[in-house]
Protein backbone atom coordinates (compact mmCIF):
# COMPACT_ATOMS: atom_id res chain seq x y z
CA MET A 1 81.44 -97.52 29.99
CA LYS A 2 83.07 -100.49 31.71
CA LYS A 3 86.86 -100.17 32.15
CA SER A 4 89.65 -102.47 33.33
CA LYS A 5 93.44 -102.64 33.08
CA GLU A 6 93.04 -105.02 30.14
CA SER A 7 90.92 -102.54 28.16
CA SER A 8 92.93 -99.42 29.06
CA GLU A 9 95.96 -97.65 27.61
CA HIS A 10 99.14 -98.94 29.27
CA TYR A 11 102.44 -97.17 29.87
CA THR A 12 105.61 -97.76 31.87
CA TRP A 13 107.39 -95.28 34.09
CA GLY A 14 110.20 -95.01 36.62
CA GLN A 15 111.88 -98.22 37.72
CA ASN A 16 109.83 -100.83 35.83
CA CYS A 17 106.48 -99.45 37.07
CA ASP A 18 103.20 -99.79 35.16
CA GLY A 19 100.23 -97.49 34.66
CA TRP A 20 96.83 -97.95 33.02
CA HIS A 21 94.67 -94.95 32.05
CA LEU A 22 91.20 -95.94 33.28
CA LEU A 23 89.91 -92.43 32.53
CA LYS A 24 91.84 -89.82 30.57
CA THR A 25 90.21 -86.43 30.07
CA ASN A 26 91.56 -82.90 30.43
CA SER A 27 89.54 -82.30 33.60
CA LEU A 28 89.94 -85.70 35.31
CA SER A 29 92.42 -88.58 35.19
CA ILE A 30 92.15 -91.97 36.91
CA ILE A 31 95.15 -94.27 36.62
CA GLN A 32 95.73 -97.70 38.12
CA GLU A 33 99.42 -98.19 38.86
CA ARG A 34 101.80 -100.94 39.95
CA MET A 35 105.17 -100.41 41.61
CA PRO A 36 107.52 -103.36 42.12
CA PRO A 37 109.22 -103.80 45.51
CA HIS A 38 111.87 -101.24 46.47
CA THR A 39 110.97 -98.65 43.81
CA SER A 40 110.35 -94.93 44.13
CA GLU A 41 109.36 -91.99 42.01
CA ALA A 42 111.21 -88.67 41.96
CA LEU A 43 110.18 -85.84 44.26
CA HIS A 44 107.94 -83.49 42.26
CA TYR A 45 104.89 -81.24 42.33
CA HIS A 46 102.04 -80.27 40.03
CA GLN A 47 101.24 -76.68 39.13
CA LYS A 48 97.49 -77.24 38.72
CA ALA A 49 96.53 -80.81 39.58
CA GLN A 50 95.47 -82.07 42.96
CA GLN A 51 95.76 -85.82 43.39
CA PHE A 52 94.21 -88.56 45.49
CA PHE A 53 96.11 -91.84 45.86
CA PHE A 54 94.08 -94.89 46.97
CA ILE A 55 96.04 -98.01 47.90
CA LEU A 56 94.53 -101.25 46.55
CA ALA A 57 97.23 -103.69 47.75
CA GLY A 58 100.50 -103.29 49.62
CA LYS A 59 101.82 -100.42 51.70
CA ALA A 60 102.96 -97.09 50.25
CA THR A 61 105.43 -94.71 51.82
CA PHE A 62 104.67 -91.10 50.96
CA GLU A 63 106.77 -88.01 51.36
CA ILE A 64 104.73 -84.80 51.18
CA GLU A 65 106.43 -81.49 51.93
CA GLY A 66 109.10 -83.31 53.96
CA GLU A 67 106.64 -85.37 56.05
CA VAL A 68 107.06 -89.15 55.61
CA PHE A 69 104.22 -91.58 56.44
CA GLU A 70 102.75 -94.93 55.38
CA VAL A 71 99.39 -95.59 53.74
CA GLU A 72 98.06 -99.17 53.72
CA SER A 73 95.49 -101.07 51.65
CA ASN A 74 92.05 -99.47 51.63
CA GLU A 75 93.47 -96.12 52.73
CA GLY A 76 94.09 -92.99 50.71
CA CYS A 77 96.12 -89.80 50.65
CA HIS A 78 95.27 -86.36 49.20
CA VAL A 79 98.05 -84.21 47.68
CA GLU A 80 97.22 -80.58 46.93
CA ALA A 81 98.66 -78.74 43.92
CA HIS A 82 102.09 -77.15 44.51
CA LYS A 83 102.98 -79.69 47.26
CA ASN A 84 106.26 -81.58 46.81
CA HIS A 85 105.58 -85.30 46.98
CA LYS A 86 106.66 -88.79 46.01
CA ILE A 87 105.51 -92.35 46.59
CA LYS A 88 107.76 -95.31 47.39
CA ASN A 89 107.27 -99.04 47.70
CA GLU A 90 109.66 -100.14 50.44
CA GLY A 91 107.91 -103.49 50.90
CA PRO A 92 108.61 -106.99 49.55
CA ASP A 93 105.49 -107.16 47.32
CA ASP A 94 104.07 -105.16 44.40
CA LEU A 95 102.20 -101.99 45.36
CA HIS A 96 98.89 -101.44 43.53
CA PHE A 97 97.03 -98.14 43.72
CA LEU A 98 94.77 -95.64 41.99
CA VAL A 99 95.85 -92.07 41.24
CA ILE A 100 92.96 -89.67 40.70
CA SER A 101 94.04 -86.26 39.36
CA GLU A 102 91.92 -83.16 38.85
CA PRO A 103 92.65 -81.71 36.35
CA LYS A 104 94.88 -84.25 34.60
CA ALA A 105 98.45 -84.34 35.93
CA HIS A 106 100.24 -85.36 32.72
CA GLY A 107 102.09 -82.34 31.36
CA ASP A 108 101.69 -80.57 34.73
CA ARG A 109 104.58 -82.19 36.61
CA ILE A 110 107.68 -80.32 37.78
CA ASP A 111 110.52 -82.55 39.04
CA GLU A 112 112.60 -81.23 41.93
CA PRO A 113 116.38 -81.19 41.45
CA ILE A 114 118.14 -84.20 42.93
């Protein structure tokens, strides 16, 4: 079945960020997301889900288990289950990316204390 942002379930999260569920099953989730400039998510981990982030446009700054690095357009980053991580958009433009989670990550997230 053909999918796009326009035909997918939309939600908002964090600091005015957007997500679109391109595929939403218990065993696999694919979400297209948009983060405005200078936004960040909270440091967290997943008990079961591993995730792969693929950057479509912009530059993401990741923190995984205390290591900070940048991932640019047409690059990706794998995050194993139980690994503390967060993504930030420190740039001047919107960040667009895919998040692929196996199994689904919704309901599996544990936020770290601030």
